[in-house]
Amino acid sequence: MTETLTPPVTLGSAARQFFSHPSPWILAGATAAVAVGRATVGNWNWRDAVVAAVILGLEPVTEWVIHVFLLHFRPRQVLGHRVDLYLAVKHREHHRDPKDPVLVFVPLRVLVISLAVAAVGWWVLATSHAVAFTGLLTSYAMFLLYEWTHFLIHTSYRPKSRLYRYVWRAHRLHHYRNEHYWFGVTIHLADHVLGTFPEKDAVPVSPTARTLGADAA
């Protein structure tokens, strides 16, 4: 029988369920390790603020681009061969069964590869160890926040703050009304700028919100 997200009554019970899965522990452990490394290196200066601000400033675009071009990638024929992306396959499974907690998380292999690529990238490209650690710390922490926000939205925890109600409603509209809109998860700035944050009644209910149209591909 497929596991389903149990109805948490409080944020605490939701957090306990969140940390019953391996992904949050991996992300939290990586974030904590990088935080220790950054504190050990020291030498805090204005570059840390710039690096963190750039990463956070790009987050709306990052979420939008990944969601549109990777997660919603549709299988296609290339030179007689069917081409599909593992991440897109898992995301379609998530759309088909939004309450399956395993499918809520970024797939483990993708998570591990992403953390490793980010670590190598920052270490190679950064101008100093301090900048590398700051970039990794901000990236990993944002990744953990993304996973927590996405997980919480798919539980039955009801919004109590205006900000959370805003992101909760938008993501549920993406799943249950029309998959062509509301691509952000933690931040919807790119949706507003790029015209993918319409009023609910301005777009029709999509018949492919669960399949992402892949069945016809």
N, C-alpha and C. Protein backbone atom coordinates (compact mmCIF):
# COMPACT_ATOMS: atom_id res chain seq x y z
N MET A 1 0.85 -1.20 0.00
CA MET A 1 0.00 0.00 0.00
C MET A 1 0.88 1.24 0.00
N THR A 2 0.56 2.21 -0.81
CA THR A 2 1.34 3.43 -0.92
C THR A 2 1.20 4.28 0.34
N GLU A 3 2.32 4.75 0.85
CA GLU A 3 2.30 5.62 2.00
C GLU A 3 1.70 6.96 1.62
N THR A 4 0.97 7.57 2.52
CA THR A 4 0.41 8.89 2.25
C THR A 4 0.82 9.84 3.36
N LEU A 5 0.73 11.12 3.05
CA LEU A 5 1.06 12.14 4.04
C LEU A 5 -0.03 12.18 5.10
N THR A 6 0.35 11.96 6.35
CA THR A 6 -0.63 12.00 7.43
C THR A 6 -0.97 13.44 7.75
N PRO A 7 -2.18 13.68 8.26
CA PRO A 7 -2.58 15.07 8.54
C PRO A 7 -1.93 15.61 9.81
N PRO A 8 -0.86 16.41 9.69
CA PRO A 8 -0.26 16.97 10.89
C PRO A 8 -1.14 18.05 11.50
N VAL A 9 -1.20 18.06 12.79
CA VAL A 9 -2.01 19.06 13.47
C VAL A 9 -1.21 20.33 13.70
N THR A 10 0.07 20.20 13.94
CA THR A 10 0.92 21.33 14.24
C THR A 10 2.15 21.32 13.34
N LEU A 11 2.89 22.43 13.37
CA LEU A 11 4.14 22.46 12.63
C LEU A 11 5.12 21.44 13.19
N GLY A 12 5.04 21.21 14.50
CA GLY A 12 5.93 20.23 15.12
C GLY A 12 5.71 18.83 14.60
N SER A 13 4.45 18.42 14.48
CA SER A 13 4.17 17.08 13.96
C SER A 13 4.53 16.98 12.48
N ALA A 14 4.37 18.09 11.75
CA ALA A 14 4.78 18.09 10.35
C ALA A 14 6.30 17.95 10.24
N ALA A 15 7.01 18.65 11.12
CA ALA A 15 8.47 18.56 11.11
C ALA A 15 8.95 17.16 11.45
N ARG A 16 8.29 16.51 12.39
CA ARG A 16 8.68 15.13 12.74
C ARG A 16 8.49 14.21 11.55
N GLN A 17 7.40 14.40 10.82
CA GLN A 17 7.18 13.58 9.63
C GLN A 17 8.21 13.91 8.55
N PHE A 18 8.52 15.19 8.41
CA PHE A 18 9.51 15.64 7.44
C PHE A 18 10.85 14.95 7.68
N PHE A 19 11.28 14.91 8.95
CA PHE A 19 12.57 14.33 9.27
C PHE A 19 12.52 12.82 9.45
N SER A 20 11.40 12.21 9.12
CA SER A 20 11.36 10.75 9.09
C SER A 20 11.84 10.23 7.74
N HIS A 21 12.17 11.16 6.83
CA HIS A 21 12.67 10.81 5.50
C HIS A 21 14.15 11.17 5.41
N PRO A 22 14.90 10.49 4.56
CA PRO A 22 16.36 10.71 4.52
C PRO A 22 16.80 12.05 3.94
N SER A 23 16.09 12.58 2.97
CA SER A 23 16.53 13.82 2.30
C SER A 23 16.75 14.98 3.27
N PRO A 24 15.81 15.25 4.18
CA PRO A 24 16.04 16.38 5.10
C PRO A 24 17.28 16.20 5.97
N TRP A 25 17.56 14.97 6.38
CA TRP A 25 18.75 14.72 7.19
C TRP A 25 20.02 14.96 6.38
N ILE A 26 20.01 14.54 5.13
CA ILE A 26 21.18 14.77 4.27
C ILE A 26 21.40 16.26 4.09
N LEU A 27 20.32 16.98 3.78
CA LEU A 27 20.44 18.42 3.57
C LEU A 27 20.83 19.16 4.85
N ALA A 28 20.20 18.78 5.95
CA ALA A 28 20.51 19.44 7.22
C ALA A 28 21.95 19.16 7.63
N GLY A 29 22.40 17.92 7.43
CA GLY A 29 23.77 17.58 7.77
C GLY A 29 24.77 18.33 6.92
N ALA A 30 24.50 18.41 5.61
CA ALA A 30 25.39 19.14 4.71
C ALA A 30 25.43 20.62 5.06
N THR A 31 24.27 21.17 5.38
CA THR A 31 24.21 22.59 5.74
C THR A 31 24.97 22.86 7.03
N ALA A 32 24.81 21.99 8.02
CA ALA A 32 25.50 22.16 9.29
C ALA A 32 27.02 22.03 9.11
N ALA A 33 27.45 21.06 8.29
CA ALA A 33 28.88 20.87 8.06
C ALA A 33 29.50 22.10 7.40
N VAL A 34 28.78 22.65 6.41
CA VAL A 34 29.29 23.83 5.71
C VAL A 34 29.29 25.04 6.65
N ALA A 35 28.29 25.13 7.52
CA ALA A 35 28.23 26.24 8.48
C ALA A 35 29.44 26.19 9.43
N VAL A 36 29.79 24.99 9.87
CA VAL A 36 30.97 24.84 10.72
C VAL A 36 32.23 25.24 9.96
N GLY A 37 32.31 24.81 8.70
CA GLY A 37 33.45 25.19 7.89
C GLY A 37 33.57 26.69 7.71
N ARG A 38 32.42 27.34 7.46
CA ARG A 38 32.45 28.80 7.27
C ARG A 38 32.86 29.50 8.55
N ALA A 39 32.35 29.03 9.69
CA ALA A 39 32.71 29.65 10.96
C ALA A 39 34.19 29.45 11.28
N THR A 40 34.73 28.31 10.89
CA THR A 40 36.14 28.02 11.14
C THR A 40 37.05 28.91 10.31
N VAL A 41 36.68 29.12 9.06
CA VAL A 41 37.50 29.97 8.18
C VAL A 41 37.48 31.42 8.64
N GLY A 42 36.32 31.90 9.11
CA GLY A 42 36.21 33.28 9.57
C GLY A 42 36.36 34.29 8.44
N ASN A 43 36.95 35.44 8.76
CA ASN A 43 37.20 36.50 7.78
C ASN A 43 35.91 36.94 7.09
N TRP A 44 34.89 37.25 7.89
CA TRP A 44 33.62 37.73 7.34
C TRP A 44 33.80 39.14 6.77
N ASN A 45 33.23 39.38 5.60
CA ASN A 45 33.30 40.73 5.01
C ASN A 45 32.13 40.93 4.06
N TRP A 46 32.16 42.03 3.33
CA TRP A 46 31.05 42.40 2.47
C TRP A 46 30.80 41.39 1.36
N ARG A 47 31.82 40.63 0.98
CA ARG A 47 31.64 39.64 -0.07
C ARG A 47 30.62 38.56 0.32
N ASP A 48 30.57 38.25 1.60
CA ASP A 48 29.61 37.26 2.06
C ASP A 48 28.18 37.73 1.81
N ALA A 49 27.93 38.99 2.12
CA ALA A 49 26.59 39.54 1.91
C ALA A 49 26.24 39.57 0.42
N VAL A 50 27.22 39.89 -0.42
CA VAL A 50 26.96 39.94 -1.86
C VAL A 50 26.64 38.56 -2.40
N VAL A 51 27.44 37.56 -2.02
CA VAL A 51 27.22 36.19 -2.49
C VAL A 51 25.84 35.69 -2.07
N ALA A 52 25.51 35.88 -0.78
CA ALA A 52 24.21 35.43 -0.29
C ALA A 52 23.07 36.17 -1.00
N ALA A 53 23.23 37.47 -1.21
CA ALA A 53 22.18 38.25 -1.86
C ALA A 53 21.97 37.81 -3.31
N VAL A 54 23.04 37.49 -4.01
CA VAL A 54 22.93 37.06 -5.41
C VAL A 54 22.18 35.72 -5.49
N ILE A 55 22.55 34.78 -4.61
CA ILE A 55 21.90 33.47 -4.62
C ILE A 55 20.41 33.61 -4.31
N LEU A 56 20.09 34.37 -3.28
CA LEU A 56 18.68 34.56 -2.91
C LEU A 56 17.93 35.35 -3.98
N GLY A 57 18.61 36.30 -4.61
CA GLY A 57 17.98 37.08 -5.66
C GLY A 57 17.66 36.26 -6.89
N LEU A 58 18.49 35.25 -7.16
CA LEU A 58 18.28 34.39 -8.32
C LEU A 58 17.30 33.25 -8.05
N GLU A 59 16.98 33.01 -6.79
CA GLU A 59 16.14 31.87 -6.43
C GLU A 59 14.80 31.83 -7.16
N PRO A 60 14.07 32.95 -7.29
CA PRO A 60 12.80 32.89 -8.04
C PRO A 60 12.99 32.41 -9.48
N VAL A 61 14.03 32.91 -10.13
CA VAL A 61 14.30 32.50 -11.51
C VAL A 61 14.75 31.04 -11.56
N THR A 62 15.59 30.66 -10.61
CA THR A 62 16.08 29.28 -10.55
C THR A 62 14.93 28.30 -10.43
N GLU A 63 14.00 28.56 -9.50
CA GLU A 63 12.85 27.68 -9.31
C GLU A 63 12.01 27.62 -10.58
N TRP A 64 11.78 28.76 -11.19
CA TRP A 64 10.93 28.82 -12.39
C TRP A 64 11.55 28.05 -13.55
N VAL A 65 12.83 28.28 -13.80
CA VAL A 65 13.51 27.64 -14.93
C VAL A 65 13.58 26.13 -14.73
N ILE A 66 13.95 25.68 -13.54
CA ILE A 66 14.03 24.24 -13.27
C ILE A 66 12.66 23.59 -13.42
N HIS A 67 11.64 24.25 -12.91
CA HIS A 67 10.29 23.69 -12.96
C HIS A 67 9.78 23.59 -14.39
N VAL A 68 9.99 24.64 -15.15
CA VAL A 68 9.45 24.68 -16.52
C VAL A 68 10.23 23.77 -17.46
N PHE A 69 11.55 23.84 -17.42
CA PHE A 69 12.35 23.18 -18.45
C PHE A 69 12.87 21.79 -18.06
N LEU A 70 12.98 21.50 -16.79
CA LEU A 70 13.44 20.18 -16.36
C LEU A 70 12.31 19.32 -15.81
N LEU A 71 11.60 19.84 -14.82
CA LEU A 71 10.55 19.04 -14.19
C LEU A 71 9.40 18.77 -15.15
N HIS A 72 9.09 19.73 -16.02
CA HIS A 72 7.98 19.56 -16.96
C HIS A 72 8.46 19.19 -18.36
N PHE A 73 9.67 18.69 -18.45
CA PHE A 73 10.18 18.19 -19.72
C PHE A 73 9.31 17.03 -20.19
N ARG A 74 8.86 17.08 -21.44
CA ARG A 74 8.03 16.01 -21.98
C ARG A 74 8.87 15.07 -22.84
N PRO A 75 8.65 13.78 -22.70
CA PRO A 75 9.42 12.82 -23.52
C PRO A 75 9.23 13.10 -25.01
N ARG A 76 10.29 12.88 -25.76
CA ARG A 76 10.22 13.15 -27.20
C ARG A 76 11.11 12.17 -27.96
N GLN A 77 10.87 12.09 -29.25
CA GLN A 77 11.66 11.22 -30.11
C GLN A 77 12.83 12.01 -30.71
N VAL A 78 14.03 11.50 -30.53
CA VAL A 78 15.22 12.13 -31.10
C VAL A 78 15.99 11.05 -31.85
N LEU A 79 16.07 11.20 -33.17
CA LEU A 79 16.75 10.23 -34.03
C LEU A 79 16.23 8.81 -33.81
N GLY A 80 14.91 8.73 -33.65
CA GLY A 80 14.28 7.44 -33.50
C GLY A 80 14.32 6.85 -32.11
N HIS A 81 14.86 7.60 -31.14
CA HIS A 81 14.94 7.12 -29.77
C HIS A 81 14.11 8.00 -28.85
N ARG A 82 13.43 7.39 -27.92
CA ARG A 82 12.65 8.14 -26.94
C ARG A 82 13.59 8.75 -25.90
N VAL A 83 13.51 10.05 -25.74
CA VAL A 83 14.35 10.75 -24.77
C VAL A 83 13.47 11.29 -23.64
N ASP A 84 13.84 10.97 -22.44
CA ASP A 84 13.11 11.46 -21.27
C ASP A 84 14.13 11.77 -20.18
N LEU A 85 13.74 12.54 -19.20
CA LEU A 85 14.62 12.88 -18.10
C LEU A 85 14.13 12.20 -16.83
N TYR A 86 15.06 11.62 -16.09
CA TYR A 86 14.71 10.95 -14.84
C TYR A 86 13.96 11.89 -13.90
N LEU A 87 14.45 13.12 -13.80
CA LEU A 87 13.81 14.09 -12.91
C LEU A 87 12.38 14.39 -13.35
N ALA A 88 12.17 14.46 -14.67
CA ALA A 88 10.83 14.71 -15.19
C ALA A 88 9.91 13.52 -14.94
N VAL A 89 10.45 12.32 -15.08
CA VAL A 89 9.65 11.11 -14.81
C VAL A 89 9.17 11.11 -13.36
N LYS A 90 10.08 11.40 -12.44
CA LYS A 90 9.71 11.41 -11.01
C LYS A 90 8.73 12.55 -10.71
N HIS A 91 8.88 13.67 -11.42
CA HIS A 91 7.96 14.78 -11.18
C HIS A 91 6.57 14.46 -11.68
N ARG A 92 6.47 13.74 -12.80
CA ARG A 92 5.15 13.33 -13.28
C ARG A 92 4.50 12.37 -12.29
N GLU A 93 5.30 11.51 -11.68
CA GLU A 93 4.77 10.62 -10.64
C GLU A 93 4.24 11.44 -9.47
N HIS A 94 4.95 12.51 -9.14
CA HIS A 94 4.50 13.39 -8.06
C HIS A 94 3.17 14.06 -8.41
N HIS A 95 3.01 14.48 -9.66
CA HIS A 95 1.74 15.09 -10.06
C HIS A 95 0.60 14.08 -10.03
N ARG A 96 0.90 12.84 -10.38
CA ARG A 96 -0.14 11.81 -10.37
C ARG A 96 -0.59 11.49 -8.95
N ASP A 97 0.34 11.57 -8.01
CA ASP A 97 0.02 11.23 -6.62
C ASP A 97 0.67 12.26 -5.69
N PRO A 98 0.08 13.45 -5.59
CA PRO A 98 0.70 14.54 -4.82
C PRO A 98 0.81 14.26 -3.32
N LYS A 99 0.10 13.25 -2.83
CA LYS A 99 0.12 12.97 -1.39
C LYS A 99 1.13 11.89 -1.02
N ASP A 100 1.83 11.34 -1.99
CA ASP A 100 2.87 10.36 -1.69
C ASP A 100 4.10 11.10 -1.18
N PRO A 101 4.49 10.93 0.09
CA PRO A 101 5.58 11.74 0.66
C PRO A 101 6.93 11.48 0.02
N VAL A 102 7.16 10.28 -0.47
CA VAL A 102 8.44 9.98 -1.11
C VAL A 102 8.61 10.83 -2.38
N LEU A 103 7.52 11.03 -3.10
CA LEU A 103 7.58 11.77 -4.36
C LEU A 103 7.60 13.28 -4.16
N VAL A 104 7.33 13.72 -2.95
CA VAL A 104 7.38 15.16 -2.66
C VAL A 104 8.83 15.66 -2.69
N PHE A 105 9.76 14.81 -2.29
CA PHE A 105 11.15 15.21 -2.19
C PHE A 105 11.88 15.11 -3.52
N VAL A 106 12.91 15.91 -3.67
CA VAL A 106 13.82 15.75 -4.80
C VAL A 106 14.40 14.34 -4.71
N PRO A 107 14.41 13.58 -5.80
CA PRO A 107 14.93 12.21 -5.75
C PRO A 107 16.33 12.17 -5.14
N LEU A 108 16.61 11.14 -4.35
CA LEU A 108 17.87 11.07 -3.61
C LEU A 108 19.09 11.17 -4.50
N ARG A 109 19.06 10.48 -5.63
CA ARG A 109 20.25 10.52 -6.50
C ARG A 109 20.48 11.93 -7.04
N VAL A 110 19.38 12.63 -7.35
CA VAL A 110 19.49 14.00 -7.84
C VAL A 110 19.97 14.92 -6.72
N LEU A 111 19.47 14.69 -5.51
CA LEU A 111 19.89 15.49 -4.36
C LEU A 111 21.38 15.36 -4.12
N VAL A 112 21.88 14.14 -4.07
CA VAL A 112 23.30 13.91 -3.79
C VAL A 112 24.17 14.50 -4.90
N ILE A 113 23.79 14.29 -6.15
CA ILE A 113 24.55 14.85 -7.26
C ILE A 113 24.55 16.38 -7.21
N SER A 114 23.39 16.96 -6.89
CA SER A 114 23.28 18.43 -6.82
C SER A 114 24.19 19.00 -5.74
N LEU A 115 24.20 18.36 -4.58
CA LEU A 115 25.07 18.83 -3.49
C LEU A 115 26.53 18.73 -3.88
N ALA A 116 26.90 17.62 -4.54
CA ALA A 116 28.29 17.42 -4.94
C ALA A 116 28.71 18.42 -6.01
N VAL A 117 27.85 18.63 -7.01
CA VAL A 117 28.18 19.58 -8.08
C VAL A 117 28.32 20.99 -7.52
N ALA A 118 27.42 21.36 -6.60
CA ALA A 118 27.51 22.69 -5.98
C ALA A 118 28.81 22.84 -5.21
N ALA A 119 29.19 21.79 -4.46
CA ALA A 119 30.42 21.86 -3.68
C ALA A 119 31.64 22.02 -4.58
N VAL A 120 31.73 21.21 -5.63
CA VAL A 120 32.86 21.30 -6.55
C VAL A 120 32.86 22.65 -7.27
N GLY A 121 31.68 23.07 -7.71
CA GLY A 121 31.58 24.34 -8.43
C GLY A 121 32.03 25.52 -7.60
N TRP A 122 31.56 25.61 -6.37
CA TRP A 122 31.95 26.73 -5.51
C TRP A 122 33.43 26.66 -5.17
N TRP A 123 33.92 25.45 -4.95
CA TRP A 123 35.33 25.32 -4.57
C TRP A 123 36.26 25.71 -5.71
N VAL A 124 35.84 25.43 -6.94
CA VAL A 124 36.68 25.73 -8.10
C VAL A 124 36.58 27.20 -8.50
N LEU A 125 35.36 27.74 -8.45
CA LEU A 125 35.13 29.08 -8.99
C LEU A 125 35.27 30.21 -7.99
N ALA A 126 35.12 29.91 -6.71
CA ALA A 126 35.16 30.97 -5.70
C ALA A 126 36.55 31.56 -5.57
N THR A 127 36.62 32.82 -5.20
CA THR A 127 37.91 33.51 -5.08
C THR A 127 38.62 33.19 -3.78
N SER A 128 37.92 32.60 -2.81
CA SER A 128 38.54 32.24 -1.54
C SER A 128 37.72 31.13 -0.88
N HIS A 129 38.31 30.49 0.10
CA HIS A 129 37.58 29.46 0.84
C HIS A 129 36.37 30.05 1.56
N ALA A 130 36.52 31.28 2.05
CA ALA A 130 35.42 31.92 2.76
C ALA A 130 34.22 32.12 1.83
N VAL A 131 34.48 32.61 0.62
CA VAL A 131 33.40 32.82 -0.35
C VAL A 131 32.77 31.49 -0.75
N ALA A 132 33.59 30.46 -0.93
CA ALA A 132 33.08 29.14 -1.29
C ALA A 132 32.14 28.62 -0.21
N PHE A 133 32.55 28.74 1.04
CA PHE A 133 31.71 28.26 2.14
C PHE A 133 30.43 29.07 2.25
N THR A 134 30.52 30.38 2.05
CA THR A 134 29.32 31.21 2.11
C THR A 134 28.34 30.85 1.01
N GLY A 135 28.86 30.65 -0.19
CA GLY A 135 28.00 30.25 -1.31
C GLY A 135 27.34 28.91 -1.06
N LEU A 136 28.11 27.95 -0.57
CA LEU A 136 27.54 26.64 -0.28
C LEU A 136 26.53 26.70 0.85
N LEU A 137 26.85 27.45 1.90
CA LEU A 137 25.94 27.56 3.04
C LEU A 137 24.60 28.14 2.61
N THR A 138 24.63 29.21 1.82
CA THR A 138 23.39 29.83 1.36
C THR A 138 22.62 28.90 0.43
N SER A 139 23.34 28.23 -0.47
CA SER A 139 22.69 27.32 -1.42
C SER A 139 22.05 26.14 -0.71
N TYR A 140 22.77 25.51 0.20
CA TYR A 140 22.24 24.35 0.91
C TYR A 140 21.07 24.74 1.81
N ALA A 141 21.19 25.88 2.49
CA ALA A 141 20.10 26.32 3.36
C ALA A 141 18.84 26.62 2.54
N MET A 142 19.01 27.22 1.36
CA MET A 142 17.87 27.51 0.51
C MET A 142 17.25 26.22 0.00
N PHE A 143 18.07 25.24 -0.31
CA PHE A 143 17.60 23.93 -0.76
C PHE A 143 16.76 23.27 0.34
N LEU A 144 17.26 23.35 1.58
CA LEU A 144 16.52 22.77 2.70
C LEU A 144 15.18 23.49 2.91
N LEU A 145 15.18 24.82 2.79
CA LEU A 145 13.94 25.58 2.92
C LEU A 145 12.96 25.20 1.81
N TYR A 146 13.47 25.00 0.61
CA TYR A 146 12.62 24.59 -0.51
C TYR A 146 11.95 23.24 -0.22
N GLU A 147 12.73 22.28 0.24
CA GLU A 147 12.19 20.95 0.52
C GLU A 147 11.15 21.01 1.64
N TRP A 148 11.42 21.79 2.68
CA TRP A 148 10.48 21.92 3.79
C TRP A 148 9.18 22.58 3.33
N THR A 149 9.30 23.67 2.57
CA THR A 149 8.11 24.37 2.10
C THR A 149 7.27 23.46 1.21
N HIS A 150 7.92 22.77 0.28
CA HIS A 150 7.20 21.88 -0.63
C HIS A 150 6.53 20.75 0.14
N PHE A 151 7.24 20.17 1.09
CA PHE A 151 6.67 19.10 1.90
C PHE A 151 5.44 19.60 2.66
N LEU A 152 5.58 20.75 3.32
CA LEU A 152 4.49 21.27 4.15
C LEU A 152 3.25 21.57 3.32
N ILE A 153 3.45 22.11 2.13
CA ILE A 153 2.32 22.42 1.26
C ILE A 153 1.51 21.17 0.94
N HIS A 154 2.19 20.03 0.82
CA HIS A 154 1.49 18.80 0.44
C HIS A 154 0.93 18.02 1.63
N THR A 155 1.09 18.54 2.83
CA THR A 155 0.39 17.98 3.98
C THR A 155 -0.94 18.70 4.12
N SER A 156 -1.71 18.31 5.11
CA SER A 156 -2.99 18.99 5.34
C SER A 156 -2.86 20.12 6.37
N TYR A 157 -1.62 20.52 6.68
CA TYR A 157 -1.42 21.66 7.57
C TYR A 157 -2.00 22.90 6.91
N ARG A 158 -2.83 23.61 7.63
CA ARG A 158 -3.51 24.77 7.06
C ARG A 158 -2.73 26.05 7.32
N PRO A 159 -2.65 26.94 6.34
CA PRO A 159 -1.89 28.18 6.50
C PRO A 159 -2.43 29.05 7.62
N LYS A 160 -1.51 29.62 8.38
CA LYS A 160 -1.90 30.56 9.42
C LYS A 160 -1.37 31.96 9.15
N SER A 161 -0.30 32.05 8.39
CA SER A 161 0.25 33.36 8.04
C SER A 161 -0.13 33.73 6.61
N ARG A 162 -0.13 35.01 6.35
CA ARG A 162 -0.49 35.49 5.01
C ARG A 162 0.52 35.02 3.96
N LEU A 163 1.81 35.04 4.30
CA LEU A 163 2.85 34.64 3.36
C LEU A 163 2.72 33.16 3.01
N TYR A 164 2.54 32.32 4.03
CA TYR A 164 2.44 30.89 3.74
C TYR A 164 1.15 30.57 2.98
N ARG A 165 0.07 31.28 3.29
CA ARG A 165 -1.19 31.07 2.56
C ARG A 165 -1.00 31.38 1.07
N TYR A 166 -0.20 32.38 0.79
CA TYR A 166 0.08 32.80 -0.59
C TYR A 166 0.81 31.70 -1.37
N VAL A 167 1.89 31.15 -0.80
CA VAL A 167 2.64 30.11 -1.52
C VAL A 167 1.88 28.79 -1.53
N TRP A 168 1.17 28.50 -0.44
CA TRP A 168 0.37 27.26 -0.34
C TRP A 168 -0.71 27.23 -1.42
N ARG A 169 -1.43 28.33 -1.56
CA ARG A 169 -2.53 28.39 -2.53
C ARG A 169 -1.99 28.28 -3.95
N ALA A 170 -0.90 28.98 -4.24
CA ALA A 170 -0.35 28.97 -5.60
C ALA A 170 0.10 27.57 -6.01
N HIS A 171 0.79 26.88 -5.11
CA HIS A 171 1.29 25.56 -5.48
C HIS A 171 0.14 24.56 -5.64
N ARG A 172 -0.87 24.69 -4.85
CA ARG A 172 -2.02 23.79 -5.00
C ARG A 172 -2.79 24.08 -6.29
N LEU A 173 -2.83 25.33 -6.69
CA LEU A 173 -3.45 25.65 -7.98
C LEU A 173 -2.64 25.03 -9.11
N HIS A 174 -1.33 25.01 -8.97
CA HIS A 174 -0.48 24.39 -9.99
C HIS A 174 -0.80 22.90 -10.12
N HIS A 175 -1.03 22.24 -9.00
CA HIS A 175 -1.30 20.80 -9.02
C HIS A 175 -2.74 20.46 -9.42
N TYR A 176 -3.68 21.23 -8.93
CA TYR A 176 -5.07 20.82 -9.05
C TYR A 176 -5.91 21.66 -10.02
N ARG A 177 -5.32 22.75 -10.52
CA ARG A 177 -6.09 23.55 -11.50
C ARG A 177 -5.42 23.57 -12.87
N ASN A 178 -4.18 24.03 -12.93
CA ASN A 178 -3.54 24.13 -14.24
C ASN A 178 -2.02 24.10 -14.07
N GLU A 179 -1.39 23.09 -14.64
CA GLU A 179 0.05 22.88 -14.48
C GLU A 179 0.90 23.86 -15.27
N HIS A 180 0.28 24.70 -16.09
CA HIS A 180 1.02 25.65 -16.91
C HIS A 180 1.28 26.97 -16.19
N TYR A 181 0.90 27.06 -14.94
CA TYR A 181 1.05 28.31 -14.18
C TYR A 181 1.54 28.00 -12.76
N TRP A 182 1.93 29.07 -12.05
CA TRP A 182 2.34 28.98 -10.64
C TRP A 182 3.51 28.01 -10.46
N PHE A 183 4.65 28.32 -11.09
CA PHE A 183 5.80 27.41 -11.07
C PHE A 183 6.71 27.59 -9.85
N GLY A 184 6.62 28.70 -9.16
CA GLY A 184 7.44 28.87 -7.97
C GLY A 184 6.97 27.98 -6.85
N VAL A 185 7.82 27.80 -5.86
CA VAL A 185 7.44 27.05 -4.66
C VAL A 185 7.64 27.91 -3.42
N THR A 186 8.85 28.42 -3.24
CA THR A 186 9.09 29.28 -2.08
C THR A 186 8.89 30.76 -2.41
N ILE A 187 9.13 31.13 -3.68
CA ILE A 187 9.04 32.53 -4.10
C ILE A 187 8.39 32.57 -5.48
N HIS A 188 7.44 33.48 -5.68
CA HIS A 188 6.71 33.54 -6.95
C HIS A 188 7.00 34.80 -7.75
N LEU A 189 8.11 35.46 -7.46
CA LEU A 189 8.43 36.69 -8.18
C LEU A 189 8.54 36.44 -9.69
N ALA A 190 9.21 35.35 -10.09
CA ALA A 190 9.36 35.07 -11.51
C ALA A 190 8.01 34.81 -12.17
N ASP A 191 7.10 34.16 -11.46
CA ASP A 191 5.76 33.94 -12.00
C ASP A 191 5.07 35.26 -12.30
N HIS A 192 5.19 36.22 -11.38
CA HIS A 192 4.55 37.52 -11.59
C HIS A 192 5.18 38.25 -12.77
N VAL A 193 6.51 38.20 -12.87
CA VAL A 193 7.21 38.91 -13.94
C VAL A 193 6.95 38.28 -15.30
N LEU A 194 6.88 36.95 -15.34
CA LEU A 194 6.78 36.23 -16.60
C LEU A 194 5.34 35.87 -16.98
N GLY A 195 4.39 36.33 -16.21
CA GLY A 195 2.99 36.15 -16.57
C GLY A 195 2.42 34.78 -16.29
N THR A 196 3.00 34.06 -15.33
CA THR A 196 2.48 32.73 -14.99
C THR A 196 1.87 32.70 -13.59
N PHE A 197 1.37 33.84 -13.15
CA PHE A 197 0.66 33.90 -11.87
C PHE A 197 -0.69 34.59 -12.08
N PRO A 198 -1.59 33.93 -12.82
CA PRO A 198 -2.89 34.56 -13.10
C PRO A 198 -3.84 34.42 -11.90
N GLU A 199 -4.95 35.11 -11.98
CA GLU A 199 -6.02 34.86 -11.03
C GLU A 199 -6.57 33.46 -11.27
N LYS A 200 -7.04 32.84 -10.24
CA LYS A 200 -7.52 31.45 -10.33
C LYS A 200 -8.53 31.27 -11.46
N ASP A 201 -9.53 32.13 -11.54
CA ASP A 201 -10.61 31.95 -12.51
C ASP A 201 -10.25 32.43 -13.91
N ALA A 202 -9.03 32.95 -14.07
CA ALA A 202 -8.62 33.44 -15.40
C ALA A 202 -8.11 32.32 -16.29
N VAL A 203 -7.87 31.15 -15.71
CA VAL A 203 -7.39 30.01 -16.51
C VAL A 203 -8.30 28.81 -16.26
N PRO A 204 -8.46 27.96 -17.27
CA PRO A 204 -9.35 26.81 -17.11
C PRO A 204 -8.71 25.69 -16.29
N VAL A 205 -9.54 24.78 -15.81
CA VAL A 205 -9.04 23.58 -15.17
C VAL A 205 -8.42 22.70 -16.26
N SER A 206 -7.16 22.32 -16.08
CA SER A 206 -6.46 21.56 -17.11
C SER A 206 -6.73 20.07 -16.98
N PRO A 207 -7.03 19.39 -18.08
CA PRO A 207 -7.24 17.94 -18.03
C PRO A 207 -5.93 17.17 -17.90
N THR A 208 -4.79 17.86 -18.04
CA THR A 208 -3.50 17.19 -17.96
C THR A 208 -2.70 17.59 -16.72
N ALA A 209 -3.37 18.14 -15.72
CA ALA A 209 -2.66 18.57 -14.50
C ALA A 209 -2.01 17.39 -13.80
N ARG A 210 -2.57 16.19 -13.94
CA ARG A 210 -2.00 15.00 -13.29
C ARG A 210 -0.96 14.31 -14.14
N THR A 211 -1.06 14.39 -15.47
CA THR A 211 -0.14 13.68 -16.35
C THR A 211 0.91 14.58 -16.97
N LEU A 212 0.71 15.88 -16.92
CA LEU A 212 1.58 16.88 -17.56
C LEU A 212 1.64 16.67 -19.08
N GLY A 213 0.62 16.01 -19.61
CA GLY A 213 0.52 15.81 -21.05
C GLY A 213 1.47 14.77 -21.61
N ALA A 214 2.20 14.07 -20.73
CA ALA A 214 3.19 13.11 -21.20
C ALA A 214 2.56 11.88 -21.82
N ASP A 215 1.34 11.55 -21.42
CA ASP A 215 0.68 10.36 -21.97
C ASP A 215 0.43 10.47 -23.47
N ALA A 216 0.35 11.72 -23.93
CA ALA A 216 0.09 11.95 -25.36
C ALA A 216 1.37 12.12 -26.16
N ALA A 217 2.50 12.09 -25.44
CA ALA A 217 3.78 12.35 -26.13
C ALA A 217 4.29 11.09 -26.81
